[in-house]
């Protein structure tokens, strides 16, 4: 139907002569309790891998050195289409683009296969933005995040194991409704345990419709 159509052949956003963005999917299926995105952007729709490769090849030929792949949850790219995000990374890596980056990743869909693919692909930067949002399991359930503290830490540890030079960044929300001081301290202890390279920290702010 028309709501699920994806417009192709739109201008690619270029930061400058060497850097460009390619959107690989639109929308989101996660419905985190604090987020309006699924309501305003709709459910996930993945672009065709061949179209993405064609855009990337054109950018490469025009002198672009670095491509950033964009999506609300790039890890779930290709669901139901026969494509996958690790598969897309492998195909892009073979093109010869000097550097490939991506964001944003949702921990529930960040798999060992993804981390192994990143480690094996010469052109994929060992950079991972993996938002955890809170370090306490009750708060994570209230946020509807679909993972717990231990699962998140297991994923991070595996990613670091296969990519010793990994640059890891994340998002965290402070002051989620009902969060206690003790629960917030669990967020602090997670940060201290992981040793992120950078954090985007946000004070909770309500949004109409969430």
C-alpha atoms as a PDB file:
ATOM      1  CA  UNK A   1       0.000   0.000   0.000  1.00  0.00           C
ATOM      2  CA  UNK A   2       1.002   3.642  -0.362  1.00  0.00           C
ATOM      3  CA  UNK A   3       1.998   3.996   3.311  1.00  0.00           C
ATOM      4  CA  UNK A   4       4.647   1.305   2.879  1.00  0.00           C
ATOM      5  CA  UNK A   5       6.158   2.605  -0.345  1.00  0.00           C
ATOM      6  CA  UNK A   6       9.760   3.800  -0.240  1.00  0.00           C
ATOM      7  CA  UNK A   7      10.776   6.542  -2.608  1.00  0.00           C
ATOM      8  CA  UNK A   8      13.922   5.704  -4.565  1.00  0.00           C
ATOM      9  CA  UNK A   9      16.276   7.906  -6.595  1.00  0.00           C
ATOM     10  CA  UNK A  10      16.085  10.757  -4.087  1.00  0.00           C
ATOM     11  CA  UNK A  11      19.188  12.951  -3.652  1.00  0.00           C
ATOM     12  CA  UNK A  12      21.745  11.366  -1.331  1.00  0.00           C
ATOM     13  CA  UNK A  13      22.726  13.592   1.582  1.00  0.00           C
ATOM     14  CA  UNK A  14      26.398  14.530   1.354  1.00  0.00           C
ATOM     15  CA  UNK A  15      28.225  16.181   4.228  1.00  0.00           C
ATOM     16  CA  UNK A  16      31.055  17.179   1.926  1.00  0.00           C
ATOM     17  CA  UNK A  17      33.009  15.776  -1.008  1.00  0.00           C
ATOM     18  CA  UNK A  18      34.237  12.802   1.049  1.00  0.00           C
ATOM     19  CA  UNK A  19      31.374  11.895   3.400  1.00  0.00           C
ATOM     20  CA  UNK A  20      27.785  10.871   2.626  1.00  0.00           C
ATOM     21  CA  UNK A  21      24.737   9.334   4.298  1.00  0.00           C
ATOM     22  CA  UNK A  22      22.623   6.508   2.874  1.00  0.00           C
ATOM     23  CA  UNK A  23      19.278   5.739   4.531  1.00  0.00           C
ATOM     24  CA  UNK A  24      18.768   1.978   4.381  1.00  0.00           C
ATOM     25  CA  UNK A  25      15.411   1.732   6.177  1.00  0.00           C
ATOM     26  CA  UNK A  26      12.575   3.814   7.563  1.00  0.00           C
ATOM     27  CA  UNK A  27      10.326   3.559  10.608  1.00  0.00           C
ATOM     28  CA  UNK A  28      10.544   1.414  13.730  1.00  0.00           C
ATOM     29  CA  UNK A  29       8.774  -1.605  15.253  1.00  0.00           C
ATOM     30  CA  UNK A  30      10.098  -1.343  18.806  1.00  0.00           C
ATOM     31  CA  UNK A  31       7.626   0.996  20.545  1.00  0.00           C
ATOM     32  CA  UNK A  32       9.891   2.006  23.417  1.00  0.00           C
ATOM     33  CA  UNK A  33       7.529   3.623  25.911  1.00  0.00           C
ATOM     34  CA  UNK A  34       9.251   7.022  25.787  1.00  0.00           C
ATOM     35  CA  UNK A  35       9.529   7.253  21.980  1.00  0.00           C
ATOM     36  CA  UNK A  36       7.135   8.672  19.372  1.00  0.00           C
ATOM     37  CA  UNK A  37       9.030   7.440  16.294  1.00  0.00           C
ATOM     38  CA  UNK A  38       6.855   4.400  15.411  1.00  0.00           C
ATOM     39  CA  UNK A  39       3.760   6.592  15.508  1.00  0.00           C
ATOM     40  CA  UNK A  40       5.104   9.379  13.318  1.00  0.00           C
ATOM     41  CA  UNK A  41       7.362   7.372  10.955  1.00  0.00           C
ATOM     42  CA  UNK A  42       5.430   4.122  10.791  1.00  0.00           C
ATOM     43  CA  UNK A  43       6.586   0.531  10.893  1.00  0.00           C
ATOM     44  CA  UNK A  44       9.962  -0.630   9.592  1.00  0.00           C
ATOM     45  CA  UNK A  45      10.444  -0.660   5.824  1.00  0.00           C
ATOM     46  CA  UNK A  46      13.785  -1.759   4.405  1.00  0.00           C
ATOM     47  CA  UNK A  47      15.103  -0.521   1.067  1.00  0.00           C
ATOM     48  CA  UNK A  48      16.253  -3.009  -1.548  1.00  0.00           C
ATOM     49  CA  UNK A  49      19.866  -4.034  -1.086  1.00  0.00           C
ATOM     50  CA  UNK A  50      20.581  -3.644  -4.809  1.00  0.00           C
ATOM     51  CA  UNK A  51      19.383  -0.021  -4.714  1.00  0.00           C
ATOM     52  CA  UNK A  52      21.593   0.712  -1.715  1.00  0.00           C
ATOM     53  CA  UNK A  53      24.598  -0.872  -3.452  1.00  0.00           C
ATOM     54  CA  UNK A  54      23.892   1.161  -6.598  1.00  0.00           C
ATOM     55  CA  UNK A  55      23.858   4.385  -4.569  1.00  0.00           C
ATOM     56  CA  UNK A  56      27.054   3.446  -2.767  1.00  0.00           C
ATOM     57  CA  UNK A  57      28.814   2.624  -6.035  1.00  0.00           C
ATOM     58  CA  UNK A  58      27.808   6.003  -7.451  1.00  0.00           C
ATOM     59  CA  UNK A  59      29.148   7.753  -4.364  1.00  0.00           C
ATOM     60  CA  UNK A  60      32.407   5.812  -4.589  1.00  0.00           C
ATOM     61  CA  UNK A  61      32.853   6.798  -8.222  1.00  0.00           C
ATOM     62  CA  UNK A  62      32.238  10.455  -7.321  1.00  0.00           C
ATOM     63  CA  UNK A  63      35.052  10.451  -4.763  1.00  0.00           C
ATOM     64  CA  UNK A  64      33.249   9.708  -1.493  1.00  0.00           C
ATOM     65  CA  UNK A  65      35.557   8.055   1.040  1.00  0.00           C
ATOM     66  CA  UNK A  66      33.156   7.395   3.917  1.00  0.00           C
ATOM     67  CA  UNK A  67      29.505   6.292   3.934  1.00  0.00           C
ATOM     68  CA  UNK A  68      27.256   6.361   6.991  1.00  0.00           C
ATOM     69  CA  UNK A  69      24.305   3.942   6.846  1.00  0.00           C
ATOM     70  CA  UNK A  70      21.240   5.300   8.630  1.00  0.00           C
ATOM     71  CA  UNK A  71      18.126   3.747  10.116  1.00  0.00           C
ATOM     72  CA  UNK A  72      16.159   3.934  13.342  1.00  0.00           C
ATOM     73  CA  UNK A  73      17.303   0.351  14.001  1.00  0.00           C
ATOM     74  CA  UNK A  74      19.783  -0.740  11.349  1.00  0.00           C
ATOM     75  CA  UNK A  75      20.232  -4.163  13.008  1.00  0.00           C
ATOM     76  CA  UNK A  76      16.754  -5.238  11.887  1.00  0.00           C
ATOM     77  CA  UNK A  77      17.365  -4.166   8.277  1.00  0.00           C
ATOM     78  CA  UNK A  78      15.927  -6.603   5.759  1.00  0.00           C
ATOM     79  CA  UNK A  79      13.522  -8.416   8.083  1.00  0.00           C
ATOM     80  CA  UNK A  80      11.091 -10.402   5.966  1.00  0.00           C
ATOM     81  CA  UNK A  81      12.859  -9.583   2.673  1.00  0.00           C
ATOM     82  CA  UNK A  82      15.590 -12.205   2.582  1.00  0.00           C
ATOM     83  CA  UNK A  83      18.273  -9.558   3.152  1.00  0.00           C
ATOM     84  CA  UNK A  84      20.112  -8.958   6.425  1.00  0.00           C
ATOM     85  CA  UNK A  85      22.247  -6.185   7.868  1.00  0.00           C
ATOM     86  CA  UNK A  86      25.420  -8.326   8.141  1.00  0.00           C
ATOM     87  CA  UNK A  87      24.865  -9.388   4.529  1.00  0.00           C
ATOM     88  CA  UNK A  88      24.499  -5.781   3.420  1.00  0.00           C
ATOM     89  CA  UNK A  89      27.715  -4.848   5.231  1.00  0.00           C
ATOM     90  CA  UNK A  90      29.597  -7.650   3.471  1.00  0.00           C
ATOM     91  CA  UNK A  91      28.371  -6.508   0.054  1.00  0.00           C
ATOM     92  CA  UNK A  92      29.284  -2.884   0.755  1.00  0.00           C
ATOM     93  CA  UNK A  93      32.690  -3.922   2.076  1.00  0.00           C
ATOM     94  CA  UNK A  94      33.408  -5.656  -1.228  1.00  0.00           C
ATOM     95  CA  UNK A  95      32.702  -2.446  -3.177  1.00  0.00           C
ATOM     96  CA  UNK A  96      35.862  -0.821  -1.900  1.00  0.00           C
ATOM     97  CA  UNK A  97      34.430   2.217  -0.079  1.00  0.00           C
ATOM     98  CA  UNK A  98      37.237   3.376   2.164  1.00  0.00           C
ATOM     99  CA  UNK A  99      35.173   3.549   5.362  1.00  0.00           C
ATOM    100  CA  UNK A 100      31.678   2.336   6.288  1.00  0.00           C
ATOM    101  CA  UNK A 101      29.855   3.357   9.455  1.00  0.00           C
ATOM    102  CA  UNK A 102      26.278   2.941  10.667  1.00  0.00           C
ATOM    103  CA  UNK A 103      23.769   3.946  13.302  1.00  0.00           C
ATOM    104  CA  UNK A 104      21.620   3.402  15.256  1.00  0.00           C
ATOM    105  CA  UNK A 105      21.746  -0.119  16.703  1.00  0.00           C
ATOM    106  CA  UNK A 106      19.178  -1.621  19.087  1.00  0.00           C
ATOM    107  CA  UNK A 107      20.700  -4.084  21.568  1.00  0.00           C
ATOM    108  CA  UNK A 108      17.904  -6.641  21.149  1.00  0.00           C
ATOM    109  CA  UNK A 109      18.852  -7.074  17.464  1.00  0.00           C
ATOM    110  CA  UNK A 110      22.626  -6.673  17.780  1.00  0.00           C
ATOM    111  CA  UNK A 111      23.851 -10.238  17.247  1.00  0.00           C
ATOM    112  CA  UNK A 112      27.127 -12.083  17.456  1.00  0.00           C
ATOM    113  CA  UNK A 113      26.917 -12.473  13.677  1.00  0.00           C
ATOM    114  CA  UNK A 114      26.852  -8.675  13.317  1.00  0.00           C
ATOM    115  CA  UNK A 115      29.904  -8.239  15.535  1.00  0.00           C
ATOM    116  CA  UNK A 116      31.773 -11.003  13.715  1.00  0.00           C
ATOM    117  CA  UNK A 117      30.911  -9.416  10.360  1.00  0.00           C
ATOM    118  CA  UNK A 118      32.189  -6.046  11.543  1.00  0.00           C
ATOM    119  CA  UNK A 119      35.434  -7.671  12.669  1.00  0.00           C
ATOM    120  CA  UNK A 120      35.946  -9.440   9.322  1.00  0.00           C
ATOM    121  CA  UNK A 121      35.028  -6.560   7.018  1.00  0.00           C
ATOM    122  CA  UNK A 122      38.098  -4.498   6.184  1.00  0.00           C
ATOM    123  CA  UNK A 123      36.173  -1.311   5.393  1.00  0.00           C
ATOM    124  CA  UNK A 124      33.628  -1.369   8.244  1.00  0.00           C
ATOM    125  CA  UNK A 125      34.833   0.870  11.059  1.00  0.00           C
ATOM    126  CA  UNK A 126      35.084  -0.835  14.471  1.00  0.00           C
ATOM    127  CA  UNK A 127      32.668   1.738  15.883  1.00  0.00           C
ATOM    128  CA  UNK A 128      29.398   0.770  17.562  1.00  0.00           C
ATOM    129  CA  UNK A 129      26.684   3.038  18.934  1.00  0.00           C
ATOM    130  CA  UNK A 130      24.665   0.726  21.186  1.00  0.00           C
ATOM    131  CA  UNK A 131      22.183   2.628  23.391  1.00  0.00           C
ATOM    132  CA  UNK A 132      21.471   0.986  26.769  1.00  0.00           C
ATOM    133  CA  UNK A 133      19.226   3.790  28.180  1.00  0.00           C
ATOM    134  CA  UNK A 134      19.199   2.381  31.750  1.00  0.00           C
ATOM    135  CA  UNK A 135      21.189  -0.086  33.814  1.00  0.00           C
ATOM    136  CA  UNK A 136      18.310  -1.441  35.900  1.00  0.00           C
ATOM    137  CA  UNK A 137      16.086  -4.287  34.704  1.00  0.00           C
ATOM    138  CA  UNK A 138      12.817  -2.901  36.104  1.00  0.00           C
ATOM    139  CA  UNK A 139      13.390   0.432  34.383  1.00  0.00           C
ATOM    140  CA  UNK A 140      14.300  -1.338  31.130  1.00  0.00           C
ATOM    141  CA  UNK A 141      11.014  -3.254  31.287  1.00  0.00           C
ATOM    142  CA  UNK A 142       9.121  -0.002  31.899  1.00  0.00           C
ATOM    143  CA  UNK A 143      10.906   1.448  28.858  1.00  0.00           C
ATOM    144  CA  UNK A 144       9.856  -1.621  26.806  1.00  0.00           C
ATOM    145  CA  UNK A 145      13.421  -2.203  25.678  1.00  0.00           C
ATOM    146  CA  UNK A 146      13.261  -6.029  25.292  1.00  0.00           C
ATOM    147  CA  UNK A 147      16.625  -6.810  26.906  1.00  0.00           C
ATOM    148  CA  UNK A 148      18.045  -6.829  30.419  1.00  0.00           C
ATOM    149  CA  UNK A 149      21.272  -5.592  31.958  1.00  0.00           C
ATOM    150  CA  UNK A 150      23.026  -8.963  31.786  1.00  0.00           C
ATOM    151  CA  UNK A 151      22.115  -9.557  28.138  1.00  0.00           C
ATOM    152  CA  UNK A 152      23.380  -6.099  27.202  1.00  0.00           C
ATOM    153  CA  UNK A 153      26.689  -6.661  28.995  1.00  0.00           C
ATOM    154  CA  UNK A 154      27.127 -10.057  27.324  1.00  0.00           C
ATOM    155  CA  UNK A 155      26.702  -8.454  23.912  1.00  0.00           C
ATOM    156  CA  UNK A 156      29.168  -5.669  24.714  1.00  0.00           C
ATOM    157  CA  UNK A 157      31.748  -8.115  26.031  1.00  0.00           C
ATOM    158  CA  UNK A 158      31.481 -10.286  22.912  1.00  0.00           C
ATOM    159  CA  UNK A 159      31.781  -7.260  20.626  1.00  0.00           C
ATOM    160  CA  UNK A 160      34.937  -6.200  22.475  1.00  0.00           C
ATOM    161  CA  UNK A 161      36.294  -9.741  22.279  1.00  0.00           C
ATOM    162  CA  UNK A 162      36.058  -9.955  18.490  1.00  0.00           C
ATOM    163  CA  UNK A 163      37.004  -6.266  17.996  1.00  0.00           C
ATOM    164  CA  UNK A 164      39.699  -5.367  20.563  1.00  0.00           C
ATOM    165  CA  UNK A 165      39.977  -1.870  19.074  1.00  0.00           C
ATOM    166  CA  UNK A 166      36.213  -1.240  19.263  1.00  0.00           C
ATOM    167  CA  UNK A 167      35.033   2.327  19.846  1.00  0.00           C
ATOM    168  CA  UNK A 168      31.803   2.052  21.847  1.00  0.00           C
ATOM    169  CA  UNK A 169      29.276   4.854  22.390  1.00  0.00           C
ATOM    170  CA  UNK A 170      25.795   4.856  23.867  1.00  0.00           C
ATOM    171  CA  UNK A 171      22.676   6.753  24.986  1.00  0.00           C
ATOM    172  CA  UNK A 172      21.306   6.934  28.532  1.00  0.00           C
ATOM    173  CA  UNK A 173      18.122   8.472  29.954  1.00  0.00           C
ATOM    174  CA  UNK A 174      18.258   9.903  33.483  1.00  0.00           C
ATOM    175  CA  UNK A 175      15.157  10.397  35.622  1.00  0.00           C
ATOM    176  CA  UNK A 176      12.774   7.994  33.865  1.00  0.00           C
ATOM    177  CA  UNK A 177       9.384   8.094  35.675  1.00  0.00           C
ATOM    178  CA  UNK A 178       9.569   6.008  38.843  1.00  0.00           C
ATOM    179  CA  UNK A 179      13.349   5.549  38.748  1.00  0.00           C
ATOM    180  CA  UNK A 180      14.753   5.365  42.284  1.00  0.00           C
ATOM    181  CA  UNK A 181      18.177   6.482  43.461  1.00  0.00           C
ATOM    182  CA  UNK A 182      19.187   2.830  43.828  1.00  0.00           C
ATOM    183  CA  UNK A 183      18.103   2.056  40.247  1.00  0.00           C
ATOM    184  CA  UNK A 184      20.018   5.072  38.961  1.00  0.00           C
ATOM    185  CA  UNK A 185      23.133   3.801  40.756  1.00  0.00           C
ATOM    186  CA  UNK A 186      22.850   0.629  38.672  1.00  0.00           C
ATOM    187  CA  UNK A 187      23.069   2.804  35.554  1.00  0.00           C
ATOM    188  CA  UNK A 188      26.215   4.423  36.958  1.00  0.00           C
ATOM    189  CA  UNK A 189      27.758   1.032  37.737  1.00  0.00           C
ATOM    190  CA  UNK A 190      27.046  -0.199  34.189  1.00  0.00           C
ATOM    191  CA  UNK A 191      28.795   2.852  32.760  1.00  0.00           C
ATOM    192  CA  UNK A 192      31.781   2.251  35.029  1.00  0.00           C
ATOM    193  CA  UNK A 193      31.879  -1.405  34.020  1.00  0.00           C
ATOM    194  CA  UNK A 194      31.733  -0.851  30.258  1.00  0.00           C
ATOM    195  CA  UNK A 195      34.079   2.165  29.952  1.00  0.00           C
ATOM    196  CA  UNK A 196      32.371   3.868  26.998  1.00  0.00           C
ATOM    197  CA  UNK A 197      34.344   6.119  24.679  1.00  0.00           C
ATOM    198  CA  UNK A 198      31.460   8.604  24.611  1.00  0.00           C
ATOM    199  CA  UNK A 199      27.950   8.927  26.065  1.00  0.00           C
ATOM    200  CA  UNK A 200      24.918  10.936  25.033  1.00  0.00           C
ATOM    201  CA  UNK A 201      23.045  11.584  28.277  1.00  0.00           C
ATOM    202  CA  UNK A 202      19.472  12.868  28.380  1.00  0.00           C
ATOM    203  CA  UNK A 203      17.113  14.006  31.139  1.00  0.00           C
ATOM    204  CA  UNK A 204      13.757  12.305  30.601  1.00  0.00           C
ATOM    205  CA  UNK A 205      11.260  14.578  28.884  1.00  0.00           C
ATOM    206  CA  UNK A 206       7.649  13.489  28.173  1.00  0.00           C
ATOM    207  CA  UNK A 207       6.302  13.467  24.642  1.00  0.00           C
ATOM    208  CA  UNK A 208       2.597  13.630  23.768  1.00  0.00           C
ATOM    209  CA  UNK A 209       1.425  10.206  22.602  1.00  0.00           C
ATOM    210  CA  UNK A 210       4.085   8.195  24.469  1.00  0.00           C
END
